[in-house]
Amino acid sequence: MIHWEIVYEPQTSAVQVDFIKEDEYQQWLPHWQSYQAFYQVDLSDAITQTTWASFFDTKEQIYCAVAREGNKMLGFVHFLYHRSTWAMTDYCYLEDLFVALEARGKHIGKQLIDFLAQDAKKHDSAQLYWHTQQTNTTAHRLYDWVADNPGVIEYRMPL
């Protein structure tokens, strides 16, 4: 009798994940706009410019890492660090994760999350967490693979 075992092996590809560079705005912007379109929001240019500037402002704790294959940007992860009343050290919040449509299915989202987890460990973060829409079933497959779902329900109050 033959016994088959399926084992995940990370793809050895030319994809590299690192912090975004200041000269990559023109590559980042279409991904940012596609991300907004997916969530059916249209953020102002002022918000986009403020977000972009915050990635490079040393007084801010909001960051962007990107996945690249050669010179081509394939996706991004935006994240920030903040204090918590539930821990002695900061939490790391993954605010936005996006992978270009043509690059999906290649574990790039996982690579971005892995990069973020390593950065959060370097910052001695107590926890890495994120939210997603209930209807985003594609993302759920990735998130269920790499993390636990605590069953939290989010409420919002516009101010």
C-alpha atoms as a PDB file:
ATOM      1  CA  MET A   1       0.000   0.000   0.000  1.00  0.00           C
ATOM      2  CA  ILE A   2       1.296   3.415  -0.961  1.00  0.00           C
ATOM      3  CA  HIS A   3       0.866   6.241   1.538  1.00  0.00           C
ATOM      4  CA  TRP A   4       0.956   9.753   0.116  1.00  0.00           C
ATOM      5  CA  GLU A   5       1.737  12.680   2.332  1.00  0.00           C
ATOM      6  CA  ILE A   6       1.243  16.246   1.190  1.00  0.00           C
ATOM      7  CA  VAL A   7       3.771  18.633   2.630  1.00  0.00           C
ATOM      8  CA  TYR A   8       3.832  22.377   2.037  1.00  0.00           C
ATOM      9  CA  GLU A   9       7.224  23.576   0.930  1.00  0.00           C
ATOM     10  CA  PRO A  10       7.797  27.295   0.570  1.00  0.00           C
ATOM     11  CA  GLN A  11       8.218  28.330  -3.005  1.00  0.00           C
ATOM     12  CA  THR A  12      11.712  29.341  -3.906  1.00  0.00           C
ATOM     13  CA  SER A  13      11.008  32.279  -6.128  1.00  0.00           C
ATOM     14  CA  ALA A  14      12.517  35.598  -6.917  1.00  0.00           C
ATOM     15  CA  VAL A  15       9.937  37.337  -4.702  1.00  0.00           C
ATOM     16  CA  GLN A  16      11.512  39.537  -2.062  1.00  0.00           C
ATOM     17  CA  VAL A  17       9.707  41.335   0.745  1.00  0.00           C
ATOM     18  CA  ASP A  18      11.127  44.484   2.294  1.00  0.00           C
ATOM     19  CA  PHE A  19      10.122  47.962   3.403  1.00  0.00           C
ATOM     20  CA  ILE A  20       8.887  50.281   0.680  1.00  0.00           C
ATOM     21  CA  LYS A  21      11.236  52.920  -0.710  1.00  0.00           C
ATOM     22  CA  GLU A  22      10.417  56.588  -1.173  1.00  0.00           C
ATOM     23  CA  ASP A  23      10.828  56.371  -4.962  1.00  0.00           C
ATOM     24  CA  GLU A  24       8.179  53.624  -5.311  1.00  0.00           C
ATOM     25  CA  TYR A  25       5.060  55.796  -5.043  1.00  0.00           C
ATOM     26  CA  GLN A  26       4.084  55.297  -8.702  1.00  0.00           C
ATOM     27  CA  GLN A  27       4.205  51.504  -8.266  1.00  0.00           C
ATOM     28  CA  TRP A  28       2.396  51.521  -4.921  1.00  0.00           C
ATOM     29  CA  LEU A  29      -0.456  53.869  -5.926  1.00  0.00           C
ATOM     30  CA  PRO A  30      -2.261  51.541  -8.392  1.00  0.00           C
ATOM     31  CA  HIS A  31      -2.187  48.749  -5.789  1.00  0.00           C
ATOM     32  CA  TRP A  32      -3.536  51.142  -3.152  1.00  0.00           C
ATOM     33  CA  GLN A  33      -6.315  52.197  -5.525  1.00  0.00           C
ATOM     34  CA  SER A  34      -7.162  48.560  -6.360  1.00  0.00           C
ATOM     35  CA  TYR A  35      -7.310  47.783  -2.645  1.00  0.00           C
ATOM     36  CA  GLN A  36      -9.764  50.642  -2.129  1.00  0.00           C
ATOM     37  CA  ALA A  37     -11.872  49.499  -5.092  1.00  0.00           C
ATOM     38  CA  PHE A  38     -12.104  46.004  -3.619  1.00  0.00           C
ATOM     39  CA  TYR A  39     -13.476  47.444  -0.359  1.00  0.00           C
ATOM     40  CA  GLN A  40     -15.663  49.916  -2.287  1.00  0.00           C
ATOM     41  CA  VAL A  41     -14.111  53.014  -0.750  1.00  0.00           C
ATOM     42  CA  ASP A  42     -12.656  56.073  -2.398  1.00  0.00           C
ATOM     43  CA  LEU A  43     -10.220  57.750  -0.047  1.00  0.00           C
ATOM     44  CA  SER A  44      -9.272  61.333  -0.804  1.00  0.00           C
ATOM     45  CA  ASP A  45      -5.949  62.315  -2.324  1.00  0.00           C
ATOM     46  CA  ALA A  46      -5.170  64.062   0.976  1.00  0.00           C
ATOM     47  CA  ILE A  47      -5.556  60.758   2.871  1.00  0.00           C
ATOM     48  CA  THR A  48      -3.434  58.949   0.290  1.00  0.00           C
ATOM     49  CA  GLN A  49      -0.693  61.584   0.522  1.00  0.00           C
ATOM     50  CA  THR A  50      -0.795  61.557   4.332  1.00  0.00           C
ATOM     51  CA  THR A  51      -0.626  57.762   4.375  1.00  0.00           C
ATOM     52  CA  TRP A  52       2.308  57.744   1.971  1.00  0.00           C
ATOM     53  CA  ALA A  53       4.205  60.401   3.940  1.00  0.00           C
ATOM     54  CA  SER A  54       3.671  58.542   7.220  1.00  0.00           C
ATOM     55  CA  PHE A  55       5.622  55.530   5.931  1.00  0.00           C
ATOM     56  CA  PHE A  56       8.769  57.676   5.926  1.00  0.00           C
ATOM     57  CA  ASP A  57       8.127  59.893   8.955  1.00  0.00           C
ATOM     58  CA  THR A  58      10.278  58.710  11.859  1.00  0.00           C
ATOM     59  CA  LYS A  59       7.736  60.174  14.323  1.00  0.00           C
ATOM     60  CA  GLU A  60       5.057  57.815  12.999  1.00  0.00           C
ATOM     61  CA  GLN A  61       4.683  54.114  13.756  1.00  0.00           C
ATOM     62  CA  ILE A  62       2.902  53.190  10.527  1.00  0.00           C
ATOM     63  CA  TYR A  63       4.816  51.211   7.931  1.00  0.00           C
ATOM     64  CA  CYS A  64       4.577  49.628   4.517  1.00  0.00           C
ATOM     65  CA  ALA A  65       6.355  46.529   3.278  1.00  0.00           C
ATOM     66  CA  VAL A  66       6.079  45.333  -0.301  1.00  0.00           C
ATOM     67  CA  ALA A  67       6.611  42.136  -2.230  1.00  0.00           C
ATOM     68  CA  ARG A  68       8.713  42.564  -5.356  1.00  0.00           C
ATOM     69  CA  GLU A  69       9.728  40.270  -8.162  1.00  0.00           C
ATOM     70  CA  GLY A  70      12.699  42.025  -9.661  1.00  0.00           C
ATOM     71  CA  ASN A  71      11.588  45.642 -10.028  1.00  0.00           C
ATOM     72  CA  LYS A  72       7.870  44.803 -10.174  1.00  0.00           C
ATOM     73  CA  MET A  73       5.778  45.399  -7.065  1.00  0.00           C
ATOM     74  CA  LEU A  74       3.316  42.563  -6.470  1.00  0.00           C
ATOM     75  CA  GLY A  75       1.617  43.644  -3.263  1.00  0.00           C
ATOM     76  CA  PHE A  76       1.865  45.426   0.050  1.00  0.00           C
ATOM     77  CA  VAL A  77       1.144  45.213   3.733  1.00  0.00           C
ATOM     78  CA  HIS A  78       0.461  48.331   5.830  1.00  0.00           C
ATOM     79  CA  PHE A  79       0.866  48.008   9.569  1.00  0.00           C
ATOM     80  CA  LEU A  80       1.314  49.933  12.771  1.00  0.00           C
ATOM     81  CA  TYR A  81       2.384  49.421  16.353  1.00  0.00           C
ATOM     82  CA  HIS A  82       0.312  50.584  19.311  1.00  0.00           C
ATOM     83  CA  ARG A  83       0.056  50.190  23.074  1.00  0.00           C
ATOM     84  CA  SER A  84      -2.498  47.836  24.561  1.00  0.00           C
ATOM     85  CA  THR A  85      -4.139  47.622  27.954  1.00  0.00           C
ATOM     86  CA  TRP A  86      -3.812  43.825  27.649  1.00  0.00           C
ATOM     87  CA  ALA A  87      -0.023  43.556  27.320  1.00  0.00           C
ATOM     88  CA  MET A  88       3.262  45.000  28.543  1.00  0.00           C
ATOM     89  CA  THR A  89       4.510  45.549  24.983  1.00  0.00           C
ATOM     90  CA  ASP A  90       2.951  46.921  21.814  1.00  0.00           C
ATOM     91  CA  TYR A  91       0.520  45.121  19.548  1.00  0.00           C
ATOM     92  CA  CYS A  92       1.130  45.037  15.808  1.00  0.00           C
ATOM     93  CA  TYR A  93      -1.951  45.749  13.711  1.00  0.00           C
ATOM     94  CA  LEU A  94      -1.996  44.659  10.073  1.00  0.00           C
ATOM     95  CA  GLU A  95      -4.255  47.319   8.606  1.00  0.00           C
ATOM     96  CA  ASP A  96      -4.112  46.614   4.864  1.00  0.00           C
ATOM     97  CA  LEU A  97      -2.911  43.616   2.837  1.00  0.00           C
ATOM     98  CA  PHE A  98      -3.085  43.514  -0.950  1.00  0.00           C
ATOM     99  CA  VAL A  99      -1.671  41.241  -3.639  1.00  0.00           C
ATOM    100  CA  ALA A 100      -2.099  42.058  -7.330  1.00  0.00           C
ATOM    101  CA  LEU A 101      -4.612  39.826  -9.081  1.00  0.00           C
ATOM    102  CA  GLU A 102      -1.998  38.354 -11.427  1.00  0.00           C
ATOM    103  CA  ALA A 103       0.243  37.413  -8.488  1.00  0.00           C
ATOM    104  CA  ARG A 104      -2.377  35.634  -6.364  1.00  0.00           C
ATOM    105  CA  GLY A 105      -2.102  31.944  -5.584  1.00  0.00           C
ATOM    106  CA  LYS A 106       1.685  32.116  -5.201  1.00  0.00           C
ATOM    107  CA  HIS A 107       1.786  32.530  -1.400  1.00  0.00           C
ATOM    108  CA  ILE A 108       2.766  36.194  -1.670  1.00  0.00           C
ATOM    109  CA  GLY A 109       0.172  37.184   0.928  1.00  0.00           C
ATOM    110  CA  LYS A 110       1.709  34.637   3.278  1.00  0.00           C
ATOM    111  CA  GLN A 111       5.188  35.999   2.581  1.00  0.00           C
ATOM    112  CA  LEU A 112       3.989  39.510   3.453  1.00  0.00           C
ATOM    113  CA  ILE A 113       2.428  38.265   6.701  1.00  0.00           C
ATOM    114  CA  ASP A 114       5.582  36.273   7.525  1.00  0.00           C
ATOM    115  CA  PHE A 115       7.701  39.403   6.985  1.00  0.00           C
ATOM    116  CA  LEU A 116       5.376  41.373   9.243  1.00  0.00           C
ATOM    117  CA  ALA A 117       5.465  38.671  11.938  1.00  0.00           C
ATOM    118  CA  GLN A 118       9.265  38.787  11.938  1.00  0.00           C
ATOM    119  CA  ASP A 119       9.246  42.594  12.193  1.00  0.00           C
ATOM    120  CA  ALA A 120       6.717  42.411  15.049  1.00  0.00           C
ATOM    121  CA  LYS A 121       8.991  39.942  16.866  1.00  0.00           C
ATOM    122  CA  LYS A 122      11.927  42.345  16.431  1.00  0.00           C
ATOM    123  CA  HIS A 123       9.747  45.052  18.027  1.00  0.00           C
ATOM    124  CA  ASP A 124       8.915  42.663  20.885  1.00  0.00           C
ATOM    125  CA  SER A 125       5.211  42.906  20.057  1.00  0.00           C
ATOM    126  CA  ALA A 126       2.858  40.863  22.205  1.00  0.00           C
ATOM    127  CA  GLN A 127       0.520  40.113  19.309  1.00  0.00           C
ATOM    128  CA  LEU A 128      -0.045  40.540  15.577  1.00  0.00           C
ATOM    129  CA  TYR A 129      -3.682  40.902  14.578  1.00  0.00           C
ATOM    130  CA  TRP A 130      -5.948  42.071  11.752  1.00  0.00           C
ATOM    131  CA  HIS A 131      -9.557  42.248  10.554  1.00  0.00           C
ATOM    132  CA  THR A 132     -11.230  41.343   7.291  1.00  0.00           C
ATOM    133  CA  GLN A 133     -14.728  41.421   5.868  1.00  0.00           C
ATOM    134  CA  GLN A 134     -16.939  38.366   6.397  1.00  0.00           C
ATOM    135  CA  THR A 135     -17.441  38.190   2.631  1.00  0.00           C
ATOM    136  CA  ASN A 136     -13.718  38.107   1.801  1.00  0.00           C
ATOM    137  CA  THR A 137     -13.591  34.307   1.561  1.00  0.00           C
ATOM    138  CA  THR A 138     -10.402  34.310  -0.507  1.00  0.00           C
ATOM    139  CA  ALA A 139      -8.529  36.072   2.293  1.00  0.00           C
ATOM    140  CA  HIS A 140     -10.149  33.795   4.879  1.00  0.00           C
ATOM    141  CA  ARG A 141      -8.390  30.779   3.356  1.00  0.00           C
ATOM    142  CA  LEU A 142      -5.001  32.440   3.866  1.00  0.00           C
ATOM    143  CA  TYR A 143      -5.829  33.822   7.299  1.00  0.00           C
ATOM    144  CA  ASP A 144      -7.241  30.511   8.554  1.00  0.00           C
ATOM    145  CA  TRP A 145      -3.997  28.875   7.402  1.00  0.00           C
ATOM    146  CA  VAL A 146      -1.628  31.230   9.221  1.00  0.00           C
ATOM    147  CA  ALA A 147      -3.563  32.454  12.278  1.00  0.00           C
ATOM    148  CA  ASP A 148      -6.370  31.806  14.742  1.00  0.00           C
ATOM    149  CA  ASN A 149      -9.794  33.386  14.377  1.00  0.00           C
ATOM    150  CA  PRO A 150     -10.929  34.497  17.855  1.00  0.00           C
ATOM    151  CA  GLY A 151     -14.484  35.224  16.679  1.00  0.00           C
ATOM    152  CA  VAL A 152     -14.300  38.955  17.397  1.00  0.00           C
ATOM    153  CA  ILE A 153     -17.046  41.158  15.983  1.00  0.00           C
ATOM    154  CA  GLU A 154     -16.107  44.740  15.129  1.00  0.00           C
ATOM    155  CA  TYR A 155     -18.388  47.728  15.702  1.00  0.00           C
ATOM    156  CA  ARG A 156     -17.794  51.184  14.243  1.00  0.00           C
ATOM    157  CA  MET A 157     -19.055  54.617  15.126  1.00  0.00           C
ATOM    158  CA  PRO A 158     -18.383  57.352  12.573  1.00  0.00           C
ATOM    159  CA  LEU A 159     -17.227  60.590  14.214  1.00  0.00           C
END
